[in-house]
Amino acid sequence: MLKEWKHPECYLGKTWEGWLIAPCAHNRDSDLATESNWQAQCDTLLPLNIDAMIEEEEVETVQIVRNGHWACGWIEWIAIHSSNFEAVTAAEELAERLEEYPLLDEDDYSRREFEYACDLWAEIGVEERLDYIRRARAEVSMFSARSSKLPCDGDLVVYLTQDA
């Protein structure tokens, strides 16, 4: 079940009474899984947007809302008007899927994880690469630390992305 928007304490922005909150949000500091889920949610819900007359104004019934936040800079979430039954149903299905498994799109998450590992590997120096190879107990040659291309080793990718 989706949560209905409630007016937060110390909030000065636009109000969203009658709107529901989609299950995923993200912010400046989001990890790879959160970003992957956010994108999967956007890909699912944004195409379901319809324009509707709400309080004598034509509005989009699926909207990305961006709010400033003192701790993380900003937060984005998706507001769904309760009149958009198709979007509400799709968002509820996403929420149910997340209760059973933490990723909405495992392929997207794996791609992001690999890209993150490749970027990190390219940015660090040879000594750090050697250290990562040792700590990950990767089954690659120590000479691969000389290359900015990430060696093919699953344990190394997992080790490089453990905090992403």
Protein backbone atom coordinates (compact mmCIF):
# COMPACT_ATOMS: atom_id res chain seq x y z
CA MET A 1 0.00 0.00 0.00
CA LEU A 2 1.35 3.41 -0.93
CA LYS A 3 1.61 6.14 1.66
CA GLU A 4 -0.42 9.28 1.31
CA TRP A 5 1.52 12.54 1.44
CA LYS A 6 1.30 14.23 4.84
CA HIS A 7 2.43 17.78 5.56
CA PRO A 8 5.82 17.48 7.31
CA GLU A 9 6.77 19.65 10.25
CA CYS A 10 8.92 22.64 9.24
CA TYR A 11 7.97 22.29 5.56
CA LEU A 12 7.40 25.37 3.42
CA GLY A 13 7.06 23.89 -0.07
CA LYS A 14 4.14 23.01 -2.28
CA THR A 15 1.53 20.84 -0.61
CA TRP A 16 0.49 17.48 -2.03
CA GLU A 17 -2.77 16.61 -0.28
CA GLY A 18 -4.57 13.83 -2.17
CA TRP A 19 -1.32 12.57 -3.68
CA LEU A 20 0.45 9.27 -3.01
CA ILE A 21 4.18 8.70 -2.63
CA ALA A 22 5.82 6.17 -4.95
CA PRO A 23 8.06 3.68 -3.11
CA CYS A 24 11.49 4.89 -4.29
CA ALA A 25 13.20 8.22 -3.72
CA HIS A 26 16.78 9.31 -4.20
CA ASN A 27 19.14 12.09 -3.18
CA ARG A 28 22.62 13.41 -3.81
CA ASP A 29 24.15 10.70 -1.61
CA SER A 30 22.19 7.68 -2.89
CA ASP A 31 23.98 4.38 -3.38
CA LEU A 32 23.96 2.31 -6.58
CA ALA A 33 20.96 0.17 -5.57
CA THR A 34 18.89 3.25 -4.73
CA GLU A 35 19.78 4.92 -8.03
CA SER A 36 18.99 1.76 -9.96
CA ASN A 37 15.61 1.40 -8.24
CA TRP A 38 14.86 5.09 -8.80
CA GLN A 39 15.52 4.72 -12.53
CA ALA A 40 13.41 1.56 -12.79
CA GLN A 41 10.57 3.32 -10.99
CA CYS A 42 10.82 6.36 -13.29
CA ASP A 43 10.84 4.11 -16.36
CA THR A 44 7.68 2.40 -15.10
CA LEU A 45 5.67 5.32 -13.74
CA LEU A 46 6.47 8.38 -15.87
CA PRO A 47 4.99 6.91 -19.08
CA LEU A 48 1.72 6.41 -17.15
CA ASN A 49 1.32 10.13 -16.58
CA ILE A 50 -1.96 11.65 -17.72
CA ASP A 51 -3.21 15.21 -17.49
CA ALA A 52 -6.26 15.64 -15.28
CA MET A 53 -8.36 18.45 -13.88
CA ILE A 54 -7.56 18.68 -10.18
CA GLU A 55 -9.04 21.54 -8.17
CA GLU A 56 -9.94 23.38 -11.40
CA GLU A 57 -6.40 23.15 -12.74
CA GLU A 58 -4.99 20.79 -15.37
CA VAL A 59 -2.01 18.97 -13.89
CA GLU A 60 0.15 15.95 -14.60
CA THR A 61 -0.89 13.05 -12.34
CA VAL A 62 2.63 11.59 -12.06
CA GLN A 63 5.29 14.13 -11.09
CA ILE A 64 8.89 14.07 -9.95
CA VAL A 65 9.09 16.32 -6.92
CA ARG A 66 12.42 17.80 -5.84
CA ASN A 67 12.80 19.23 -2.36
CA GLY A 68 15.84 20.84 -0.77
CA HIS A 69 17.09 19.12 2.37
CA TRP A 70 19.57 20.35 4.96
CA ALA A 71 21.32 16.98 5.37
CA CYS A 72 21.57 15.57 1.86
CA GLY A 73 21.18 18.68 -0.31
CA TRP A 74 18.02 17.53 -2.07
CA ILE A 75 15.62 14.62 -2.34
CA GLU A 76 13.50 13.58 -5.29
CA TRP A 77 10.36 11.48 -5.06
CA ILE A 78 7.42 10.73 -7.31
CA ALA A 79 3.96 12.04 -6.47
CA ILE A 80 1.03 10.17 -7.97
CA HIS A 81 -2.44 11.62 -7.85
CA SER A 82 -4.91 9.07 -6.55
CA SER A 83 -7.11 9.59 -9.64
CA ASN A 84 -4.49 7.90 -11.87
CA PHE A 85 -5.47 4.30 -11.15
CA GLU A 86 -3.01 2.79 -13.63
CA ALA A 87 -0.02 4.61 -12.08
CA VAL A 88 -1.21 3.85 -8.53
CA THR A 89 -1.52 0.15 -9.39
CA ALA A 90 1.93 0.10 -11.02
CA ALA A 91 3.50 1.86 -8.00
CA GLU A 92 1.85 -0.60 -5.62
CA GLU A 93 3.28 -3.47 -7.68
CA LEU A 94 6.75 -1.89 -7.44
CA ALA A 95 6.36 -1.59 -3.66
CA GLU A 96 5.33 -5.25 -3.41
CA ARG A 97 8.32 -6.33 -5.49
CA LEU A 98 10.65 -4.32 -3.22
CA GLU A 99 9.24 -6.07 -0.16
CA GLU A 100 10.30 -9.40 -1.66
CA TYR A 101 13.62 -8.41 -3.24
CA PRO A 102 15.69 -5.21 -2.88
CA LEU A 103 16.28 -4.57 -6.62
CA LEU A 104 13.74 -3.72 -9.29
CA ASP A 105 16.15 -4.29 -12.18
CA GLU A 106 19.09 -6.55 -11.43
CA ASP A 107 20.62 -6.05 -14.89
CA ASP A 108 20.64 -2.27 -14.46
CA TYR A 109 22.15 -2.59 -10.98
CA SER A 110 24.88 -4.96 -12.24
CA ARG A 111 25.72 -2.58 -15.09
CA ARG A 112 25.98 0.35 -12.65
CA GLU A 113 28.11 -1.71 -10.29
CA PHE A 114 30.51 -2.71 -13.07
CA GLU A 115 30.74 0.87 -14.42
CA TYR A 116 31.45 2.14 -10.91
CA ALA A 117 34.21 -0.43 -10.43
CA CYS A 118 35.75 0.42 -13.83
CA ASP A 119 35.68 4.15 -13.09
CA LEU A 120 37.19 3.68 -9.64
CA TRP A 121 39.93 1.42 -11.01
CA ALA A 122 40.81 3.97 -13.70
CA GLU A 123 41.03 6.81 -11.15
CA ILE A 124 43.35 5.17 -8.62
CA GLY A 125 47.09 4.61 -8.85
CA VAL A 126 49.09 1.42 -9.21
CA GLU A 127 49.81 1.09 -5.48
CA GLU A 128 46.12 1.34 -4.60
CA ARG A 129 45.25 -1.15 -7.34
CA LEU A 130 47.79 -3.60 -5.92
CA ASP A 131 46.26 -3.12 -2.48
CA TYR A 132 42.76 -3.82 -3.83
CA ILE A 133 43.99 -6.96 -5.63
CA ARG A 134 45.55 -8.24 -2.41
CA ARG A 135 42.60 -7.39 -0.15
CA ALA A 136 40.05 -8.83 -2.59
CA ARG A 137 42.19 -11.95 -3.00
CA ALA A 138 41.57 -11.54 -6.70
CA GLU A 139 42.89 -14.21 -8.99
CA VAL A 140 44.64 -11.82 -11.36
CA SER A 141 48.27 -11.04 -12.04
CA MET A 142 49.83 -8.25 -9.99
CA PHE A 143 50.95 -6.82 -13.32
CA SER A 144 47.30 -5.99 -14.11
CA ALA A 145 47.64 -3.15 -11.59
CA ARG A 146 49.64 -1.29 -14.25
CA SER A 147 46.61 -1.03 -16.53
CA SER A 148 43.78 1.44 -16.08
CA LYS A 149 41.45 -1.26 -17.47
CA LEU A 150 39.79 -3.28 -14.71
CA PRO A 151 40.94 -6.92 -14.77
CA CYS A 152 38.20 -9.50 -15.23
CA ASP A 153 37.62 -10.84 -11.70
CA GLY A 154 34.26 -10.94 -9.94
CA ASP A 155 35.77 -10.81 -6.45
CA LEU A 156 37.62 -7.62 -7.34
CA VAL A 157 34.45 -5.99 -8.69
CA VAL A 158 32.55 -6.95 -5.52
CA TYR A 159 35.35 -5.60 -3.35
CA LEU A 160 35.56 -2.31 -5.27
CA THR A 161 31.80 -1.74 -5.05
CA GLN A 162 31.13 -2.81 -1.48
CA ASP A 163 30.64 0.78 -0.32
CA ALA A 164 28.99 2.13 -3.50
